[in-house]
Amino acid sequence: MNSGSKVLLGVLAGAATGAILGVLFAPDKGDETRRRISEGSRDVTENLKTKFGEFVDGLADRYETVKESATDLLDQGRQKANSVVSALKSEAGDVASKASGAAGAASGGAAGAAAGARAGAEAGSGFNQI
């Protein structure tokens, strides 16, 4: 408990003690004094119930606000994650397509080189026969 809370608690306790002592030592009849004490305690009880109800309502409102904010933030995160995943899938498809094309070109180039080598070998062997 911080010092501000302690001071406030002390002031409230002092005020309550002073009120009770003032009522007890007032020059009223016993019945009147008991009635005033009873009314005062009812007032304090009702005041506490009202304040506690307001406190609970405030907490409920804050809970709903935080819950809505968290839900919105979660939805935004999901949307961003989905867009990143889509972009990565698209990029992976592009890379796979380029790799396939490069492999095909390399394969075609190798086949062409082999065919050229065969043709050169056959032509060279033809010179040997003449």
N, C-alpha and C. Protein backbone atom coordinates (compact mmCIF):
# COMPACT_ATOMS: atom_id res chain seq x y z
N MET A 1 0.86 -1.17 0.00
CA MET A 1 0.00 0.00 0.00
C MET A 1 0.90 1.23 0.00
N ASN A 2 0.64 2.15 -0.92
CA ASN A 2 1.50 3.34 -0.98
C ASN A 2 1.06 4.36 0.07
N SER A 3 1.85 5.39 0.25
CA SER A 3 1.61 6.36 1.32
C SER A 3 0.32 7.15 1.09
N GLY A 4 -0.04 7.41 -0.15
CA GLY A 4 -1.29 8.12 -0.45
C GLY A 4 -2.50 7.33 0.00
N SER A 5 -2.46 6.02 -0.22
CA SER A 5 -3.56 5.16 0.21
C SER A 5 -3.65 5.11 1.72
N LYS A 6 -2.51 5.07 2.38
CA LYS A 6 -2.49 5.04 3.84
C LYS A 6 -3.07 6.33 4.42
N VAL A 7 -2.73 7.45 3.83
CA VAL A 7 -3.24 8.74 4.32
C VAL A 7 -4.76 8.79 4.12
N LEU A 8 -5.24 8.38 2.95
CA LEU A 8 -6.67 8.38 2.68
C LEU A 8 -7.41 7.46 3.64
N LEU A 9 -6.86 6.28 3.86
CA LEU A 9 -7.47 5.33 4.80
C LEU A 9 -7.51 5.93 6.21
N GLY A 10 -6.46 6.60 6.61
CA GLY A 10 -6.41 7.24 7.92
C GLY A 10 -7.44 8.34 8.06
N VAL A 11 -7.60 9.14 7.02
CA VAL A 11 -8.59 10.23 7.04
C VAL A 11 -9.99 9.65 7.14
N LEU A 12 -10.27 8.62 6.35
CA LEU A 12 -11.60 8.00 6.39
C LEU A 12 -11.88 7.37 7.75
N ALA A 13 -10.90 6.67 8.30
CA ALA A 13 -11.07 6.05 9.62
C ALA A 13 -11.29 7.12 10.68
N GLY A 14 -10.57 8.21 10.61
CA GLY A 14 -10.72 9.31 11.57
C GLY A 14 -12.09 9.95 11.46
N ALA A 15 -12.56 10.14 10.23
CA ALA A 15 -13.88 10.75 10.03
C ALA A 15 -14.98 9.84 10.56
N ALA A 16 -14.86 8.55 10.30
CA ALA A 16 -15.86 7.60 10.81
C ALA A 16 -15.85 7.57 12.33
N THR A 17 -14.67 7.53 12.91
CA THR A 17 -14.56 7.52 14.38
C THR A 17 -15.15 8.79 14.97
N GLY A 18 -14.85 9.92 14.37
CA GLY A 18 -15.39 11.20 14.85
C GLY A 18 -16.90 11.24 14.75
N ALA A 19 -17.45 10.74 13.65
CA ALA A 19 -18.90 10.73 13.48
C ALA A 19 -19.57 9.85 14.52
N ILE A 20 -19.00 8.67 14.75
CA ILE A 20 -19.57 7.75 15.74
C ILE A 20 -19.51 8.37 17.13
N LEU A 21 -18.37 8.94 17.49
CA LEU A 21 -18.24 9.55 18.83
C LEU A 21 -19.16 10.75 18.97
N GLY A 22 -19.30 11.53 17.92
CA GLY A 22 -20.20 12.68 17.97
C GLY A 22 -21.64 12.26 18.19
N VAL A 23 -22.05 11.18 17.53
CA VAL A 23 -23.42 10.69 17.69
C VAL A 23 -23.61 10.12 19.09
N LEU A 24 -22.61 9.38 19.57
CA LEU A 24 -22.74 8.75 20.90
C LEU A 24 -22.78 9.78 22.03
N PHE A 25 -22.06 10.84 21.88
CA PHE A 25 -22.01 11.84 22.96
C PHE A 25 -22.98 13.00 22.75
N ALA A 26 -23.80 12.93 21.73
CA ALA A 26 -24.79 13.98 21.49
C ALA A 26 -25.88 13.89 22.56
N PRO A 27 -26.48 14.99 22.86
CA PRO A 27 -27.49 14.99 23.92
C PRO A 27 -28.86 14.49 23.45
N ASP A 28 -28.88 13.40 22.71
CA ASP A 28 -30.15 12.82 22.26
C ASP A 28 -30.51 11.63 23.14
N LYS A 29 -31.75 11.18 23.01
CA LYS A 29 -32.19 9.99 23.72
C LYS A 29 -31.52 8.78 23.09
N GLY A 30 -31.49 7.67 23.79
CA GLY A 30 -30.88 6.44 23.30
C GLY A 30 -31.52 5.93 22.04
N ASP A 31 -32.87 5.99 22.00
CA ASP A 31 -33.58 5.53 20.80
C ASP A 31 -33.20 6.37 19.58
N GLU A 32 -33.13 7.67 19.78
CA GLU A 32 -32.78 8.58 18.69
C GLU A 32 -31.34 8.32 18.23
N THR A 33 -30.45 8.11 19.16
CA THR A 33 -29.05 7.85 18.82
C THR A 33 -28.93 6.55 18.04
N ARG A 34 -29.60 5.50 18.49
CA ARG A 34 -29.55 4.21 17.78
C ARG A 34 -30.14 4.34 16.38
N ARG A 35 -31.20 5.11 16.22
CA ARG A 35 -31.82 5.32 14.91
C ARG A 35 -30.85 6.04 13.97
N ARG A 36 -30.18 7.06 14.48
CA ARG A 36 -29.22 7.81 13.66
C ARG A 36 -28.04 6.93 13.25
N ILE A 37 -27.57 6.10 14.19
CA ILE A 37 -26.46 5.19 13.86
C ILE A 37 -26.92 4.20 12.79
N SER A 38 -28.12 3.68 12.94
CA SER A 38 -28.66 2.72 11.98
C SER A 38 -28.80 3.35 10.59
N GLU A 39 -29.35 4.56 10.54
CA GLU A 39 -29.49 5.26 9.26
C GLU A 39 -28.13 5.54 8.63
N GLY A 40 -27.19 5.96 9.46
CA GLY A 40 -25.85 6.23 8.95
C GLY A 40 -25.19 4.99 8.39
N SER A 41 -25.35 3.85 9.07
CA SER A 41 -24.75 2.61 8.57
C SER A 41 -25.43 2.15 7.29
N ARG A 42 -26.77 2.37 7.18
CA ARG A 42 -27.46 2.03 5.94
C ARG A 42 -26.98 2.90 4.78
N ASP A 43 -26.79 4.18 5.07
CA ASP A 43 -26.29 5.08 4.03
C ASP A 43 -24.91 4.66 3.55
N VAL A 44 -24.04 4.32 4.51
CA VAL A 44 -22.69 3.88 4.15
C VAL A 44 -22.75 2.60 3.35
N THR A 45 -23.62 1.66 3.76
CA THR A 45 -23.75 0.38 3.04
C THR A 45 -24.24 0.61 1.62
N GLU A 46 -25.26 1.43 1.46
CA GLU A 46 -25.78 1.72 0.12
C GLU A 46 -24.73 2.41 -0.74
N ASN A 47 -23.99 3.33 -0.15
CA ASN A 47 -22.93 4.02 -0.88
C ASN A 47 -21.86 3.04 -1.34
N LEU A 48 -21.48 2.12 -0.44
CA LEU A 48 -20.48 1.12 -0.81
C LEU A 48 -20.99 0.20 -1.91
N LYS A 49 -22.27 -0.21 -1.83
CA LYS A 49 -22.84 -1.06 -2.87
C LYS A 49 -22.84 -0.34 -4.22
N THR A 50 -23.21 0.92 -4.19
CA THR A 50 -23.23 1.70 -5.44
C THR A 50 -21.84 1.83 -6.03
N LYS A 51 -20.87 2.17 -5.19
CA LYS A 51 -19.50 2.34 -5.67
C LYS A 51 -18.95 1.02 -6.20
N PHE A 52 -19.23 -0.09 -5.49
CA PHE A 52 -18.75 -1.39 -5.93
C PHE A 52 -19.39 -1.78 -7.26
N GLY A 53 -20.69 -1.50 -7.41
CA GLY A 53 -21.37 -1.78 -8.68
C GLY A 53 -20.77 -0.98 -9.83
N GLU A 54 -20.46 0.29 -9.57
CA GLU A 54 -19.83 1.12 -10.60
C GLU A 54 -18.45 0.58 -10.95
N PHE A 55 -17.72 0.13 -9.94
CA PHE A 55 -16.39 -0.43 -10.16
C PHE A 55 -16.47 -1.69 -11.03
N VAL A 56 -17.41 -2.57 -10.71
CA VAL A 56 -17.57 -3.81 -11.48
C VAL A 56 -17.99 -3.49 -12.91
N ASP A 57 -18.92 -2.55 -13.07
CA ASP A 57 -19.34 -2.16 -14.42
C ASP A 57 -18.17 -1.60 -15.22
N GLY A 58 -17.34 -0.79 -14.56
CA GLY A 58 -16.17 -0.24 -15.23
C GLY A 58 -15.20 -1.33 -15.66
N LEU A 59 -15.01 -2.32 -14.80
CA LEU A 59 -14.13 -3.44 -15.16
C LEU A 59 -14.70 -4.23 -16.33
N ALA A 60 -16.01 -4.45 -16.32
CA ALA A 60 -16.64 -5.19 -17.42
C ALA A 60 -16.48 -4.43 -18.73
N ASP A 61 -16.65 -3.11 -18.68
CA ASP A 61 -16.47 -2.31 -19.90
C ASP A 61 -15.04 -2.37 -20.40
N ARG A 62 -14.10 -2.28 -19.49
CA ARG A 62 -12.68 -2.34 -19.89
C ARG A 62 -12.35 -3.71 -20.45
N TYR A 63 -12.91 -4.77 -19.85
CA TYR A 63 -12.67 -6.13 -20.35
C TYR A 63 -13.17 -6.25 -21.79
N GLU A 64 -14.37 -5.77 -22.05
CA GLU A 64 -14.93 -5.85 -23.40
C GLU A 64 -14.07 -5.05 -24.39
N THR A 65 -13.62 -3.88 -23.98
CA THR A 65 -12.79 -3.05 -24.86
C THR A 65 -11.48 -3.77 -25.19
N VAL A 66 -10.84 -4.33 -24.18
CA VAL A 66 -9.58 -5.05 -24.40
C VAL A 66 -9.82 -6.28 -25.25
N LYS A 67 -10.91 -6.97 -25.00
CA LYS A 67 -11.22 -8.18 -25.78
C LYS A 67 -11.43 -7.83 -27.25
N GLU A 68 -12.17 -6.75 -27.52
CA GLU A 68 -12.40 -6.33 -28.91
C GLU A 68 -11.08 -5.91 -29.57
N SER A 69 -10.24 -5.20 -28.84
CA SER A 69 -8.96 -4.78 -29.39
C SER A 69 -8.08 -5.98 -29.71
N ALA A 70 -8.07 -6.95 -28.81
CA ALA A 70 -7.27 -8.15 -29.03
C ALA A 70 -7.78 -8.94 -30.23
N THR A 71 -9.10 -9.02 -30.38
CA THR A 71 -9.68 -9.73 -31.53
C THR A 71 -9.32 -9.02 -32.83
N ASP A 72 -9.41 -7.70 -32.83
CA ASP A 72 -9.04 -6.93 -34.03
C ASP A 72 -7.57 -7.12 -34.37
N LEU A 73 -6.73 -7.08 -33.37
CA LEU A 73 -5.29 -7.26 -33.58
C LEU A 73 -5.00 -8.66 -34.12
N LEU A 74 -5.68 -9.66 -33.58
CA LEU A 74 -5.49 -11.02 -34.04
C LEU A 74 -5.94 -11.17 -35.49
N ASP A 75 -7.05 -10.57 -35.85
CA ASP A 75 -7.52 -10.62 -37.24
C ASP A 75 -6.53 -9.94 -38.19
N GLN A 76 -5.99 -8.81 -37.78
CA GLN A 76 -4.99 -8.12 -38.61
C GLN A 76 -3.76 -8.99 -38.79
N GLY A 77 -3.33 -9.66 -37.73
CA GLY A 77 -2.17 -10.54 -37.81
C GLY A 77 -2.42 -11.70 -38.76
N ARG A 78 -3.62 -12.27 -38.69
CA ARG A 78 -3.96 -13.37 -39.60
C ARG A 78 -3.95 -12.91 -41.05
N GLN A 79 -4.51 -11.73 -41.31
CA GLN A 79 -4.54 -11.21 -42.67
C GLN A 79 -3.13 -10.99 -43.19
N LYS A 80 -2.27 -10.44 -42.37
CA LYS A 80 -0.89 -10.21 -42.81
C LYS A 80 -0.17 -11.53 -43.04
N ALA A 81 -0.39 -12.50 -42.16
CA ALA A 81 0.25 -13.81 -42.32
C ALA A 81 -0.23 -14.47 -43.60
N ASN A 82 -1.53 -14.38 -43.88
CA ASN A 82 -2.06 -14.98 -45.12
C ASN A 82 -1.48 -14.30 -46.36
N SER A 83 -1.32 -12.99 -46.32
CA SER A 83 -0.75 -12.31 -47.48
C SER A 83 0.72 -12.68 -47.68
N VAL A 84 1.45 -12.84 -46.57
CA VAL A 84 2.86 -13.25 -46.68
C VAL A 84 2.94 -14.67 -47.25
N VAL A 85 2.07 -15.57 -46.76
CA VAL A 85 2.07 -16.94 -47.26
C VAL A 85 1.74 -16.96 -48.75
N SER A 86 0.76 -16.17 -49.17
CA SER A 86 0.40 -16.11 -50.59
C SER A 86 1.56 -15.60 -51.43
N ALA A 87 2.21 -14.56 -50.94
CA ALA A 87 3.35 -14.00 -51.68
C ALA A 87 4.49 -15.03 -51.77
N LEU A 88 4.72 -15.74 -50.69
CA LEU A 88 5.79 -16.76 -50.71
C LEU A 88 5.44 -17.90 -51.66
N LYS A 89 4.17 -18.32 -51.68
CA LYS A 89 3.76 -19.39 -52.60
C LYS A 89 3.95 -18.94 -54.05
N SER A 90 3.55 -17.71 -54.33
CA SER A 90 3.70 -17.17 -55.68
C SER A 90 5.17 -17.12 -56.08
N GLU A 91 5.99 -16.63 -55.16
CA GLU A 91 7.43 -16.54 -55.45
C GLU A 91 8.02 -17.93 -55.63
N ALA A 92 7.60 -18.89 -54.82
CA ALA A 92 8.11 -20.27 -54.95
C ALA A 92 7.70 -20.86 -56.30
N GLY A 93 6.47 -20.56 -56.74
CA GLY A 93 6.04 -21.04 -58.05
C GLY A 93 6.87 -20.45 -59.16
N ASP A 94 7.18 -19.16 -59.06
CA ASP A 94 8.02 -18.51 -60.07
C ASP A 94 9.41 -19.12 -60.11
N VAL A 95 9.97 -19.35 -58.94
CA VAL A 95 11.32 -19.94 -58.87
C VAL A 95 11.30 -21.35 -59.45
N ALA A 96 10.26 -22.14 -59.12
CA ALA A 96 10.17 -23.50 -59.64
C ALA A 96 10.02 -23.48 -61.16
N SER A 97 9.25 -22.55 -61.68
CA SER A 97 9.06 -22.44 -63.13
C SER A 97 10.37 -22.08 -63.82
N LYS A 98 11.10 -21.13 -63.25
CA LYS A 98 12.38 -20.73 -63.83
C LYS A 98 13.39 -21.87 -63.76
N ALA A 99 13.37 -22.60 -62.64
CA ALA A 99 14.30 -23.72 -62.49
C ALA A 99 13.98 -24.82 -63.49
N SER A 100 12.70 -25.07 -63.72
CA SER A 100 12.29 -26.09 -64.68
C SER A 100 12.71 -25.69 -66.09
N GLY A 101 12.51 -24.41 -66.39
CA GLY A 101 12.92 -23.92 -67.71
C GLY A 101 14.43 -24.00 -67.90
N ALA A 102 15.16 -23.67 -66.86
CA ALA A 102 16.62 -23.72 -66.95
C ALA A 102 17.08 -25.17 -67.09
N ALA A 103 16.44 -26.08 -66.37
CA ALA A 103 16.81 -27.49 -66.47
C ALA A 103 16.51 -28.01 -67.87
N GLY A 104 15.36 -27.60 -68.42
CA GLY A 104 15.00 -28.02 -69.79
C GLY A 104 16.00 -27.48 -70.81
N ALA A 105 16.38 -26.23 -70.62
CA ALA A 105 17.34 -25.63 -71.56
C ALA A 105 18.69 -26.33 -71.45
N ALA A 106 19.08 -26.62 -70.21
CA ALA A 106 20.35 -27.31 -70.02
C ALA A 106 20.29 -28.70 -70.62
N SER A 107 19.14 -29.36 -70.44
CA SER A 107 18.98 -30.71 -70.99
C SER A 107 18.98 -30.65 -72.52
N GLY A 108 18.26 -29.67 -73.05
CA GLY A 108 18.24 -29.50 -74.51
C GLY A 108 19.61 -29.14 -75.05
N GLY A 109 20.32 -28.29 -74.32
CA GLY A 109 21.66 -27.90 -74.74
C GLY A 109 22.61 -29.09 -74.72
N ALA A 110 22.45 -29.93 -73.71
CA ALA A 110 23.32 -31.12 -73.61
C ALA A 110 22.99 -32.09 -74.74
N ALA A 111 21.73 -32.26 -75.06
CA ALA A 111 21.34 -33.16 -76.14
C ALA A 111 21.86 -32.62 -77.47
N GLY A 112 21.77 -31.33 -77.63
CA GLY A 112 22.27 -30.71 -78.87
C GLY A 112 23.78 -30.87 -78.98
N ALA A 113 24.45 -30.69 -77.86
CA ALA A 113 25.90 -30.84 -77.87
C ALA A 113 26.27 -32.28 -78.20
N ALA A 114 25.54 -33.23 -77.65
CA ALA A 114 25.82 -34.65 -77.91
C ALA A 114 25.57 -34.97 -79.38
N ALA A 115 24.49 -34.44 -79.91
CA ALA A 115 24.18 -34.68 -81.32
C ALA A 115 25.26 -34.06 -82.22
N GLY A 116 25.69 -32.88 -81.84
CA GLY A 116 26.75 -32.23 -82.62
C GLY A 116 28.04 -33.02 -82.55
N ALA A 117 28.33 -33.55 -81.37
CA ALA A 117 29.56 -34.35 -81.23
C ALA A 117 29.47 -35.62 -82.07
N ARG A 118 28.29 -36.22 -82.09
CA ARG A 118 28.12 -37.44 -82.91
C ARG A 118 28.28 -37.12 -84.40
N ALA A 119 27.66 -36.02 -84.78
CA ALA A 119 27.74 -35.64 -86.19
C ALA A 119 29.19 -35.32 -86.56
N GLY A 120 29.89 -34.66 -85.65
CA GLY A 120 31.30 -34.36 -85.92
C GLY A 120 32.13 -35.62 -85.99
N ALA A 121 31.83 -36.56 -85.15
CA ALA A 121 32.57 -37.82 -85.14
C ALA A 121 32.31 -38.60 -86.42
N GLU A 122 31.08 -38.60 -86.85
CA GLU A 122 30.73 -39.31 -88.08
C GLU A 122 31.38 -38.63 -89.29
N ALA A 123 31.38 -37.34 -89.26
CA ALA A 123 31.99 -36.62 -90.37
C ALA A 123 33.51 -36.86 -90.38
N GLY A 124 34.10 -36.91 -89.18
CA GLY A 124 35.52 -37.16 -89.08
C GLY A 124 35.86 -38.57 -89.53
N SER A 125 35.05 -39.50 -89.26
CA SER A 125 35.32 -40.86 -89.69
C SER A 125 35.12 -41.01 -91.19
N GLY A 126 34.28 -40.16 -91.76
CA GLY A 126 34.07 -40.17 -93.20
C GLY A 126 35.31 -39.66 -93.92
N PHE A 127 36.02 -38.72 -93.31
CA PHE A 127 37.25 -38.22 -93.93
C PHE A 127 38.31 -39.31 -93.94
N ASN A 128 38.29 -40.10 -92.89
CA ASN A 128 39.28 -41.17 -92.80
C ASN A 128 39.02 -42.22 -93.87
N GLN A 129 37.81 -42.37 -94.30
CA GLN A 129 37.48 -43.39 -95.27
C GLN A 129 37.82 -42.94 -96.70
N ILE A 130 37.93 -41.73 -97.00
CA ILE A 130 38.20 -41.24 -98.32
C ILE A 130 39.63 -41.37 -98.63
